[in-house]
C-alpha atoms as a PDB file:
ATOM      1  CA  UNK A   1       9.804 -38.378  -4.738  1.00  0.00           C
ATOM      2  CA  UNK A   2       6.661 -37.037  -6.366  1.00  0.00           C
ATOM      3  CA  UNK A   3       7.041 -34.113  -8.612  1.00  0.00           C
ATOM      4  CA  UNK A   4       5.806 -30.826  -7.062  1.00  0.00           C
ATOM      5  CA  UNK A   5       2.699 -29.573  -8.773  1.00  0.00           C
ATOM      6  CA  UNK A   6       2.283 -26.087  -7.137  1.00  0.00           C
ATOM      7  CA  UNK A   7       0.043 -24.820  -4.361  1.00  0.00           C
ATOM      8  CA  UNK A   8      -2.710 -27.217  -3.378  1.00  0.00           C
ATOM      9  CA  UNK A   9      -6.289 -26.527  -4.046  1.00  0.00           C
ATOM     10  CA  UNK A  10      -6.970 -25.974  -0.349  1.00  0.00           C
ATOM     11  CA  UNK A  11      -4.079 -23.367  -0.256  1.00  0.00           C
ATOM     12  CA  UNK A  12      -5.589 -21.607  -3.339  1.00  0.00           C
ATOM     13  CA  UNK A  13      -9.099 -21.665  -1.962  1.00  0.00           C
ATOM     14  CA  UNK A  14      -7.789 -20.334   1.553  1.00  0.00           C
ATOM     15  CA  UNK A  15      -7.277 -17.064  -0.250  1.00  0.00           C
ATOM     16  CA  UNK A  16      -9.591 -16.842  -3.397  1.00  0.00           C
ATOM     17  CA  UNK A  17     -12.667 -18.637  -2.040  1.00  0.00           C
ATOM     18  CA  UNK A  18     -13.335 -16.252   0.986  1.00  0.00           C
ATOM     19  CA  UNK A  19     -16.260 -14.839  -1.030  1.00  0.00           C
ATOM     20  CA  UNK A  20     -16.713 -13.253  -4.459  1.00  0.00           C
ATOM     21  CA  UNK A  21     -18.714 -10.396  -2.945  1.00  0.00           C
ATOM     22  CA  UNK A  22     -15.757  -9.430  -0.751  1.00  0.00           C
ATOM     23  CA  UNK A  23     -13.506  -8.984  -3.912  1.00  0.00           C
ATOM     24  CA  UNK A  24     -16.188  -7.235  -5.697  1.00  0.00           C
ATOM     25  CA  UNK A  25     -16.041  -4.402  -3.013  1.00  0.00           C
ATOM     26  CA  UNK A  26     -12.491  -3.329  -4.062  1.00  0.00           C
ATOM     27  CA  UNK A  27     -11.467  -4.810  -7.332  1.00  0.00           C
ATOM     28  CA  UNK A  28     -12.574  -3.105 -10.696  1.00  0.00           C
ATOM     29  CA  UNK A  29     -15.796  -4.341 -12.549  1.00  0.00           C
ATOM     30  CA  UNK A  30     -13.758  -6.941 -14.397  1.00  0.00           C
ATOM     31  CA  UNK A  31     -12.807  -8.523 -11.062  1.00  0.00           C
ATOM     32  CA  UNK A  32      -9.055  -8.573 -12.184  1.00  0.00           C
ATOM     33  CA  UNK A  33      -6.765  -9.516  -9.280  1.00  0.00           C
ATOM     34  CA  UNK A  34      -3.377  -8.803 -10.860  1.00  0.00           C
ATOM     35  CA  UNK A  35      -1.274  -5.796 -11.716  1.00  0.00           C
ATOM     36  CA  UNK A  36      -2.713  -3.320 -14.236  1.00  0.00           C
ATOM     37  CA  UNK A  37      -0.916  -1.533 -17.016  1.00  0.00           C
ATOM     38  CA  UNK A  38      -1.354   2.226 -16.215  1.00  0.00           C
ATOM     39  CA  UNK A  39      -1.073   5.173 -18.608  1.00  0.00           C
ATOM     40  CA  UNK A  40      -1.408   8.662 -17.377  1.00  0.00           C
ATOM     41  CA  UNK A  41      -2.576  10.290 -14.037  1.00  0.00           C
ATOM     42  CA  UNK A  42      -6.245  10.212 -15.113  1.00  0.00           C
ATOM     43  CA  UNK A  43      -6.339   6.620 -15.891  1.00  0.00           C
ATOM     44  CA  UNK A  44      -8.978   4.347 -14.176  1.00  0.00           C
ATOM     45  CA  UNK A  45      -8.303   0.936 -12.663  1.00  0.00           C
ATOM     46  CA  UNK A  46     -10.627  -0.886 -15.087  1.00  0.00           C
ATOM     47  CA  UNK A  47      -9.087   0.911 -18.131  1.00  0.00           C
ATOM     48  CA  UNK A  48      -5.585   0.059 -16.849  1.00  0.00           C
ATOM     49  CA  UNK A  49      -6.633  -3.491 -16.403  1.00  0.00           C
ATOM     50  CA  UNK A  50      -8.173  -3.834 -19.927  1.00  0.00           C
ATOM     51  CA  UNK A  51      -5.061  -2.285 -21.400  1.00  0.00           C
ATOM     52  CA  UNK A  52      -2.957  -5.047 -19.643  1.00  0.00           C
ATOM     53  CA  UNK A  53      -5.268  -7.736 -21.197  1.00  0.00           C
ATOM     54  CA  UNK A  54      -4.825  -6.100 -24.728  1.00  0.00           C
ATOM     55  CA  UNK A  55      -1.021  -5.878 -24.257  1.00  0.00           C
ATOM     56  CA  UNK A  56      -0.767  -9.566 -23.390  1.00  0.00           C
ATOM     57  CA  UNK A  57      -3.073 -10.769 -25.920  1.00  0.00           C
ATOM     58  CA  UNK A  58      -1.380  -8.940 -28.653  1.00  0.00           C
ATOM     59  CA  UNK A  59       2.090  -9.924 -27.495  1.00  0.00           C
ATOM     60  CA  UNK A  60       1.123 -13.602 -27.377  1.00  0.00           C
ATOM     61  CA  UNK A  61      -0.469 -13.242 -30.928  1.00  0.00           C
ATOM     62  CA  UNK A  62      -3.723 -14.352 -29.428  1.00  0.00           C
ATOM     63  CA  UNK A  63      -5.917 -11.850 -31.388  1.00  0.00           C
ATOM     64  CA  UNK A  64      -8.221 -13.754 -33.844  1.00  0.00           C
ATOM     65  CA  UNK A  65      -6.931 -17.026 -32.634  1.00  0.00           C
ATOM     66  CA  UNK A  66      -8.821 -20.409 -32.642  1.00  0.00           C
ATOM     67  CA  UNK A  67      -7.957 -21.562 -29.134  1.00  0.00           C
ATOM     68  CA  UNK A  68      -6.057 -19.794 -26.349  1.00  0.00           C
ATOM     69  CA  UNK A  69      -5.241 -21.075 -22.911  1.00  0.00           C
ATOM     70  CA  UNK A  70      -5.351 -18.942 -19.634  1.00  0.00           C
ATOM     71  CA  UNK A  71      -3.483 -20.575 -16.802  1.00  0.00           C
ATOM     72  CA  UNK A  72      -4.824 -19.146 -13.613  1.00  0.00           C
ATOM     73  CA  UNK A  73      -7.876 -17.474 -15.171  1.00  0.00           C
ATOM     74  CA  UNK A  74      -9.316 -15.892 -11.915  1.00  0.00           C
ATOM     75  CA  UNK A  75     -12.707 -14.540 -12.462  1.00  0.00           C
ATOM     76  CA  UNK A  76     -12.441 -14.557 -16.199  1.00  0.00           C
ATOM     77  CA  UNK A  77     -11.513 -10.986 -17.181  1.00  0.00           C
ATOM     78  CA  UNK A  78      -8.962 -11.916 -19.708  1.00  0.00           C
ATOM     79  CA  UNK A  79     -11.135 -14.756 -21.069  1.00  0.00           C
ATOM     80  CA  UNK A  80     -13.942 -12.364 -21.637  1.00  0.00           C
ATOM     81  CA  UNK A  81     -11.813  -9.656 -23.193  1.00  0.00           C
ATOM     82  CA  UNK A  82     -10.338 -12.173 -25.677  1.00  0.00           C
ATOM     83  CA  UNK A  83     -13.828 -13.413 -26.739  1.00  0.00           C
ATOM     84  CA  UNK A  84     -15.605 -10.152 -26.810  1.00  0.00           C
ATOM     85  CA  UNK A  85     -12.886  -7.774 -28.051  1.00  0.00           C
ATOM     86  CA  UNK A  86     -10.273  -9.967 -29.764  1.00  0.00           C
ATOM     87  CA  UNK A  87     -12.325 -12.444 -31.748  1.00  0.00           C
ATOM     88  CA  UNK A  88     -10.829 -15.659 -30.130  1.00  0.00           C
ATOM     89  CA  UNK A  89     -13.082 -18.595 -30.969  1.00  0.00           C
ATOM     90  CA  UNK A  90     -12.388 -20.623 -27.874  1.00  0.00           C
ATOM     91  CA  UNK A  91     -10.862 -19.903 -24.696  1.00  0.00           C
ATOM     92  CA  UNK A  92      -9.837 -22.479 -21.906  1.00  0.00           C
ATOM     93  CA  UNK A  93      -9.410 -21.187 -18.378  1.00  0.00           C
ATOM     94  CA  UNK A  94      -7.653 -23.165 -15.561  1.00  0.00           C
ATOM     95  CA  UNK A  95      -8.274 -22.263 -11.916  1.00  0.00           C
ATOM     96  CA  UNK A  96      -8.172 -24.183  -8.635  1.00  0.00           C
ATOM     97  CA  UNK A  97     -10.875 -21.866  -7.091  1.00  0.00           C
ATOM     98  CA  UNK A  98     -14.296 -23.284  -6.982  1.00  0.00           C
ATOM     99  CA  UNK A  99     -15.717 -19.792  -6.315  1.00  0.00           C
ATOM    100  CA  UNK A 100     -14.013 -18.343  -9.455  1.00  0.00           C
ATOM    101  CA  UNK A 101     -15.269 -21.251 -11.589  1.00  0.00           C
ATOM    102  CA  UNK A 102     -18.826 -20.724 -10.090  1.00  0.00           C
ATOM    103  CA  UNK A 103     -18.731 -17.102 -10.855  1.00  0.00           C
ATOM    104  CA  UNK A 104     -17.779 -17.825 -14.416  1.00  0.00           C
ATOM    105  CA  UNK A 105     -20.455 -20.354 -14.937  1.00  0.00           C
ATOM    106  CA  UNK A 106     -23.058 -17.601 -14.354  1.00  0.00           C
ATOM    107  CA  UNK A 107     -22.276 -15.940 -17.578  1.00  0.00           C
ATOM    108  CA  UNK A 108     -19.879 -17.950 -19.797  1.00  0.00           C
ATOM    109  CA  UNK A 109     -21.259 -19.618 -22.836  1.00  0.00           C
ATOM    110  CA  UNK A 110     -19.929 -22.486 -25.061  1.00  0.00           C
ATOM    111  CA  UNK A 111     -16.944 -20.330 -26.234  1.00  0.00           C
ATOM    112  CA  UNK A 112     -15.571 -20.645 -22.724  1.00  0.00           C
ATOM    113  CA  UNK A 113     -14.209 -23.819 -21.277  1.00  0.00           C
ATOM    114  CA  UNK A 114     -13.451 -23.197 -17.480  1.00  0.00           C
ATOM    115  CA  UNK A 115     -11.917 -26.024 -15.497  1.00  0.00           C
ATOM    116  CA  UNK A 116     -11.180 -26.382 -11.721  1.00  0.00           C
ATOM    117  CA  UNK A 117      -7.915 -28.194 -12.642  1.00  0.00           C
ATOM    118  CA  UNK A 118      -4.265 -28.019 -12.021  1.00  0.00           C
ATOM    119  CA  UNK A 119      -2.079 -27.157 -15.006  1.00  0.00           C
ATOM    120  CA  UNK A 120       0.014 -30.194 -14.147  1.00  0.00           C
ATOM    121  CA  UNK A 121      -3.003 -32.274 -14.847  1.00  0.00           C
ATOM    122  CA  UNK A 122      -4.005 -30.650 -18.049  1.00  0.00           C
ATOM    123  CA  UNK A 123      -4.034 -32.666 -21.314  1.00  0.00           C
ATOM    124  CA  UNK A 124      -5.456 -30.688 -24.311  1.00  0.00           C
ATOM    125  CA  UNK A 125      -6.411 -32.720 -27.524  1.00  0.00           C
ATOM    126  CA  UNK A 126      -4.661 -30.320 -29.755  1.00  0.00           C
ATOM    127  CA  UNK A 127      -2.196 -27.358 -29.712  1.00  0.00           C
ATOM    128  CA  UNK A 128      -3.213 -23.892 -28.450  1.00  0.00           C
ATOM    129  CA  UNK A 129      -2.443 -20.967 -30.604  1.00  0.00           C
ATOM    130  CA  UNK A 130      -1.278 -19.045 -27.645  1.00  0.00           C
ATOM    131  CA  UNK A 131      -0.906 -19.323 -23.811  1.00  0.00           C
ATOM    132  CA  UNK A 132      -1.364 -16.421 -21.310  1.00  0.00           C
ATOM    133  CA  UNK A 133      -0.799 -16.859 -17.533  1.00  0.00           C
ATOM    134  CA  UNK A 134      -1.147 -13.847 -15.276  1.00  0.00           C
ATOM    135  CA  UNK A 135      -0.416 -14.084 -11.486  1.00  0.00           C
ATOM    136  CA  UNK A 136      -0.288 -17.852 -11.230  1.00  0.00           C
ATOM    137  CA  UNK A 137       3.487 -18.494 -11.576  1.00  0.00           C
ATOM    138  CA  UNK A 138       3.839 -17.305  -7.951  1.00  0.00           C
ATOM    139  CA  UNK A 139       1.950 -20.382  -6.781  1.00  0.00           C
ATOM    140  CA  UNK A 140       4.267 -22.825  -8.609  1.00  0.00           C
ATOM    141  CA  UNK A 141       6.858 -23.212  -5.836  1.00  0.00           C
ATOM    142  CA  UNK A 142       6.724 -23.242  -1.996  1.00  0.00           C
ATOM    143  CA  UNK A 143       8.369 -21.068   0.546  1.00  0.00           C
ATOM    144  CA  UNK A 144      11.666 -22.369   1.626  1.00  0.00           C
ATOM    145  CA  UNK A 145      11.784 -24.837  -1.368  1.00  0.00           C
ATOM    146  CA  UNK A 146      15.570 -25.152  -2.379  1.00  0.00           C
ATOM    147  CA  UNK A 147      16.599 -23.204  -5.541  1.00  0.00           C
ATOM    148  CA  UNK A 148      17.053 -26.421  -7.654  1.00  0.00           C
ATOM    149  CA  UNK A 149      13.532 -27.492  -6.690  1.00  0.00           C
ATOM    150  CA  UNK A 150      12.079 -24.300  -7.692  1.00  0.00           C
ATOM    151  CA  UNK A 151      13.743 -24.255 -10.972  1.00  0.00           C
ATOM    152  CA  UNK A 152      12.638 -27.750 -11.568  1.00  0.00           C
ATOM    153  CA  UNK A 153       9.019 -26.873 -10.716  1.00  0.00           C
ATOM    154  CA  UNK A 154       9.134 -23.835 -13.119  1.00  0.00           C
ATOM    155  CA  UNK A 155      10.682 -25.973 -15.873  1.00  0.00           C
ATOM    156  CA  UNK A 156       7.822 -28.511 -15.633  1.00  0.00           C
ATOM    157  CA  UNK A 157       5.355 -25.756 -16.289  1.00  0.00           C
ATOM    158  CA  UNK A 158       7.519 -24.449 -19.351  1.00  0.00           C
ATOM    159  CA  UNK A 159       7.837 -27.946 -20.632  1.00  0.00           C
ATOM    160  CA  UNK A 160       4.041 -28.404 -20.544  1.00  0.00           C
ATOM    161  CA  UNK A 161       3.500 -24.999 -22.425  1.00  0.00           C
ATOM    162  CA  UNK A 162       6.092 -26.176 -25.027  1.00  0.00           C
ATOM    163  CA  UNK A 163       4.121 -29.316 -25.466  1.00  0.00           C
ATOM    164  CA  UNK A 164       0.944 -27.395 -25.790  1.00  0.00           C
ATOM    165  CA  UNK A 165       2.031 -24.921 -28.296  1.00  0.00           C
ATOM    166  CA  UNK A 166       3.122 -25.315 -32.048  1.00  0.00           C
ATOM    167  CA  UNK A 167       6.568 -24.164 -33.198  1.00  0.00           C
ATOM    168  CA  UNK A 168       6.742 -20.477 -32.933  1.00  0.00           C
ATOM    169  CA  UNK A 169       3.751 -20.228 -30.642  1.00  0.00           C
ATOM    170  CA  UNK A 170       3.905 -17.672 -27.794  1.00  0.00           C
ATOM    171  CA  UNK A 171       3.525 -17.743 -24.084  1.00  0.00           C
ATOM    172  CA  UNK A 172       2.835 -14.351 -22.281  1.00  0.00           C
ATOM    173  CA  UNK A 173       3.653 -14.495 -18.647  1.00  0.00           C
ATOM    174  CA  UNK A 174       2.966 -12.043 -15.914  1.00  0.00           C
ATOM    175  CA  UNK A 175       4.349 -12.719 -12.573  1.00  0.00           C
ATOM    176  CA  UNK A 176       5.580 -11.022  -9.334  1.00  0.00           C
ATOM    177  CA  UNK A 177       9.271 -11.587  -8.723  1.00  0.00           C
ATOM    178  CA  UNK A 178      11.802 -10.903  -5.927  1.00  0.00           C
ATOM    179  CA  UNK A 179      13.523  -7.692  -6.395  1.00  0.00           C
ATOM    180  CA  UNK A 180      16.289  -5.764  -4.635  1.00  0.00           C
ATOM    181  CA  UNK A 181      15.932  -7.740  -1.441  1.00  0.00           C
ATOM    182  CA  UNK A 182      19.441  -6.846  -0.277  1.00  0.00           C
ATOM    183  CA  UNK A 183      18.185  -3.488   0.997  1.00  0.00           C
ATOM    184  CA  UNK A 184      15.017  -4.792   2.755  1.00  0.00           C
ATOM    185  CA  UNK A 185      14.545  -3.505   6.229  1.00  0.00           C
ATOM    186  CA  UNK A 186      13.290  -5.834   9.097  1.00  0.00           C
ATOM    187  CA  UNK A 187       9.839  -4.437   9.120  1.00  0.00           C
ATOM    188  CA  UNK A 188       9.310  -5.194   5.388  1.00  0.00           C
ATOM    189  CA  UNK A 189      10.791  -8.588   5.722  1.00  0.00           C
ATOM    190  CA  UNK A 190       8.304  -9.302   8.539  1.00  0.00           C
ATOM    191  CA  UNK A 191       5.474  -8.127   6.317  1.00  0.00           C
ATOM    192  CA  UNK A 192       6.629 -10.373   3.415  1.00  0.00           C
ATOM    193  CA  UNK A 193       6.719 -13.238   5.854  1.00  0.00           C
ATOM    194  CA  UNK A 194       3.243 -12.459   7.113  1.00  0.00           C
ATOM    195  CA  UNK A 195       1.984 -12.378   3.534  1.00  0.00           C
ATOM    196  CA  UNK A 196       3.430 -15.739   2.859  1.00  0.00           C
ATOM    197  CA  UNK A 197       2.009 -17.484   5.939  1.00  0.00           C
ATOM    198  CA  UNK A 198      -1.374 -15.896   6.129  1.00  0.00           C
ATOM    199  CA  UNK A 199      -2.378 -14.471   2.685  1.00  0.00           C
ATOM    200  CA  UNK A 200      -0.594 -16.794   0.147  1.00  0.00           C
ATOM    201  CA  UNK A 201       0.192 -20.028   1.735  1.00  0.00           C
ATOM    202  CA  UNK A 202       2.256 -22.684  -0.103  1.00  0.00           C
ATOM    203  CA  UNK A 203       3.512 -20.084  -2.561  1.00  0.00           C
ATOM    204  CA  UNK A 204       6.803 -18.153  -3.149  1.00  0.00           C
ATOM    205  CA  UNK A 205       8.015 -15.506  -5.584  1.00  0.00           C
ATOM    206  CA  UNK A 206      10.656 -16.453  -8.090  1.00  0.00           C
ATOM    207  CA  UNK A 207      13.887 -14.809  -8.732  1.00  0.00           C
ATOM    208  CA  UNK A 208      13.887 -13.511 -12.463  1.00  0.00           C
ATOM    209  CA  UNK A 209      16.959 -15.624 -13.119  1.00  0.00           C
ATOM    210  CA  UNK A 210      15.086 -18.786 -12.165  1.00  0.00           C
ATOM    211  CA  UNK A 211      12.471 -17.966 -14.738  1.00  0.00           C
ATOM    212  CA  UNK A 212      14.917 -17.748 -17.415  1.00  0.00           C
ATOM    213  CA  UNK A 213      16.907 -20.657 -16.435  1.00  0.00           C
ATOM    214  CA  UNK A 214      13.703 -22.833 -16.254  1.00  0.00           C
ATOM    215  CA  UNK A 215      12.660 -21.806 -19.798  1.00  0.00           C
ATOM    216  CA  UNK A 216      16.050 -22.139 -21.415  1.00  0.00           C
ATOM    217  CA  UNK A 217      16.143 -24.346 -24.375  1.00  0.00           C
ATOM    218  CA  UNK A 218      12.300 -24.499 -24.524  1.00  0.00           C
ATOM    219  CA  UNK A 219      11.455 -20.909 -25.279  1.00  0.00           C
ATOM    220  CA  UNK A 220      13.186 -17.752 -26.612  1.00  0.00           C
ATOM    221  CA  UNK A 221      12.576 -14.545 -24.800  1.00  0.00           C
ATOM    222  CA  UNK A 222      10.891 -11.938 -27.021  1.00  0.00           C
ATOM    223  CA  UNK A 223      10.482  -9.165 -24.606  1.00  0.00           C
ATOM    224  CA  UNK A 224      10.751  -8.387 -20.829  1.00  0.00           C
ATOM    225  CA  UNK A 225       9.359  -5.451 -19.053  1.00  0.00           C
ATOM    226  CA  UNK A 226       9.567  -4.740 -15.159  1.00  0.00           C
ATOM    227  CA  UNK A 227       6.680  -2.706 -13.667  1.00  0.00           C
ATOM    228  CA  UNK A 228       6.744  -2.586  -9.839  1.00  0.00           C
ATOM    229  CA  UNK A 229       5.477   1.058  -9.996  1.00  0.00           C
ATOM    230  CA  UNK A 230       2.320  -0.299 -11.733  1.00  0.00           C
ATOM    231  CA  UNK A 231       1.752  -2.805  -9.127  1.00  0.00           C
ATOM    232  CA  UNK A 232       2.270  -0.236  -6.278  1.00  0.00           C
ATOM    233  CA  UNK A 233      -0.441   2.000  -8.057  1.00  0.00           C
ATOM    234  CA  UNK A 234      -2.669  -1.068  -8.459  1.00  0.00           C
ATOM    235  CA  UNK A 235      -2.461  -2.154  -4.883  1.00  0.00           C
ATOM    236  CA  UNK A 236      -3.065   1.431  -3.817  1.00  0.00           C
ATOM    237  CA  UNK A 237      -6.342   1.586  -5.922  1.00  0.00           C
ATOM    238  CA  UNK A 238      -7.350  -1.767  -4.231  1.00  0.00           C
ATOM    239  CA  UNK A 239      -6.553  -0.594  -0.741  1.00  0.00           C
ATOM    240  CA  UNK A 240      -8.566   2.628  -1.302  1.00  0.00           C
ATOM    241  CA  UNK A 241     -11.515   0.543  -2.546  1.00  0.00           C
ATOM    242  CA  UNK A 242     -11.319  -1.773   0.458  1.00  0.00           C
ATOM    243  CA  UNK A 243     -11.181   1.233   3.003  1.00  0.00           C
ATOM    244  CA  UNK A 244     -14.081   2.876   1.202  1.00  0.00           C
ATOM    245  CA  UNK A 245     -16.116  -0.403   1.726  1.00  0.00           C
ATOM    246  CA  UNK A 246     -14.589  -1.388   4.983  1.00  0.00           C
ATOM    247  CA  UNK A 247     -17.862  -1.811   6.940  1.00  0.00           C
ATOM    248  CA  UNK A 248     -19.454  -3.961   4.433  1.00  0.00           C
ATOM    249  CA  UNK A 249     -16.076  -6.011   3.970  1.00  0.00           C
ATOM    250  CA  UNK A 250     -16.108  -6.672   7.817  1.00  0.00           C
ATOM    251  CA  UNK A 251     -19.802  -7.903   7.604  1.00  0.00           C
ATOM    252  CA  UNK A 252     -18.814 -10.364   4.840  1.00  0.00           C
ATOM    253  CA  UNK A 253     -15.512 -11.818   6.092  1.00  0.00           C
ATOM    254  CA  UNK A 254     -14.884 -10.509   9.545  1.00  0.00           C
ATOM    255  CA  UNK A 255     -12.663  -7.865  11.049  1.00  0.00           C
ATOM    256  CA  UNK A 256      -9.596 -10.113  11.217  1.00  0.00           C
ATOM    257  CA  UNK A 257      -9.491 -10.857   7.457  1.00  0.00           C
ATOM    258  CA  UNK A 258     -10.026  -7.110   6.617  1.00  0.00           C
ATOM    259  CA  UNK A 259      -7.224  -6.149   8.834  1.00  0.00           C
ATOM    260  CA  UNK A 260      -4.981  -8.863   7.304  1.00  0.00           C
ATOM    261  CA  UNK A 261      -5.825  -7.584   3.811  1.00  0.00           C
ATOM    262  CA  UNK A 262      -5.061  -3.954   4.799  1.00  0.00           C
ATOM    263  CA  UNK A 263      -1.647  -5.002   6.125  1.00  0.00           C
ATOM    264  CA  UNK A 264      -0.885  -7.132   2.968  1.00  0.00           C
ATOM    265  CA  UNK A 265      -1.878  -4.297   0.411  1.00  0.00           C
ATOM    266  CA  UNK A 266      -0.120  -1.576   2.459  1.00  0.00           C
ATOM    267  CA  UNK A 267       3.085  -3.738   2.719  1.00  0.00           C
ATOM    268  CA  UNK A 268       2.805  -4.653  -0.978  1.00  0.00           C
ATOM    269  CA  UNK A 269       2.573  -0.907  -1.842  1.00  0.00           C
ATOM    270  CA  UNK A 270       5.718  -0.136   0.076  1.00  0.00           C
ATOM    271  CA  UNK A 271       7.584  -3.305  -1.260  1.00  0.00           C
ATOM    272  CA  UNK A 272       6.927  -2.522  -4.992  1.00  0.00           C
ATOM    273  CA  UNK A 273       7.542   1.229  -4.504  1.00  0.00           C
ATOM    274  CA  UNK A 274      10.982   0.349  -2.913  1.00  0.00           C
ATOM    275  CA  UNK A 275      11.586  -2.208  -5.651  1.00  0.00           C
ATOM    276  CA  UNK A 276      11.950  -4.973  -3.206  1.00  0.00           C
ATOM    277  CA  UNK A 277       9.467  -6.746  -5.483  1.00  0.00           C
ATOM    278  CA  UNK A 278       9.309  -6.746  -9.188  1.00  0.00           C
ATOM    279  CA  UNK A 279       6.457  -7.188 -11.702  1.00  0.00           C
ATOM    280  CA  UNK A 280       7.614  -9.004 -14.950  1.00  0.00           C
ATOM    281  CA  UNK A 281       5.728  -9.251 -18.121  1.00  0.00           C
ATOM    282  CA  UNK A 282       7.635 -11.641 -20.313  1.00  0.00           C
ATOM    283  CA  UNK A 283       6.870 -12.770 -23.838  1.00  0.00           C
ATOM    284  CA  UNK A 284       8.207 -16.213 -24.808  1.00  0.00           C
ATOM    285  CA  UNK A 285       8.296 -17.815 -28.142  1.00  0.00           C
ATOM    286  CA  UNK A 286       8.510 -21.585 -28.524  1.00  0.00           C
ATOM    287  CA  UNK A 287      11.634 -22.986 -30.031  1.00  0.00           C
END
């Protein structure tokens, strides 16, 4: 049986390639589509996203580095922050979204190497100083995949990162996880199933224990923080932006997609608030 290599390019593009202009309506100006790191009631979404970038870059020891890899680079917010603010000489970004890569090509110079490429196919010529991955790990296993298969898929990712880093090199990982699902009510469970089928196909959230099991023997855990409240606040900001620009959003992608995103973001706010879902920021160090 062939090794599972994560969600297909078609599945990724089903979500991320519905139109850059649509996402520009409700994401912050950096087009960051992942949980922010909030501080204080007066914080702005953009400031909170940039704080998240700074935190992960610092913890990964990427500041001033020669070469840093971003697995699941999105529209390039972290790549740009590392180059422009943290003096990284060269950044490599991997995405399966043609729309994201096309957006990046409009402004990236020769300090950026952005590839429409699966991490499982990536073969760098030399070690990276650091690796950062935000919001990609959720796509590394499929819904209903048995637990041993999920752990095996995650371990292949950690094995690759181990190969790409020097001894002592760090991997900063941010991912959604399953949380206190024992208390989940039927409505929330149906909303989670809706998100799996219609918003993020071929994807599944890991249990925290699966992440640590998959990394065992390859990486030491430096630090872990669980910030579901931060993701609830992030999704609330996104939903507010989508509602504010709802008419234009419907013109761009149609009423059905807008309704689906409203349901998905509303359900996510509730699930993170109730801690049915978690948001882990984990710093690993290569052994």
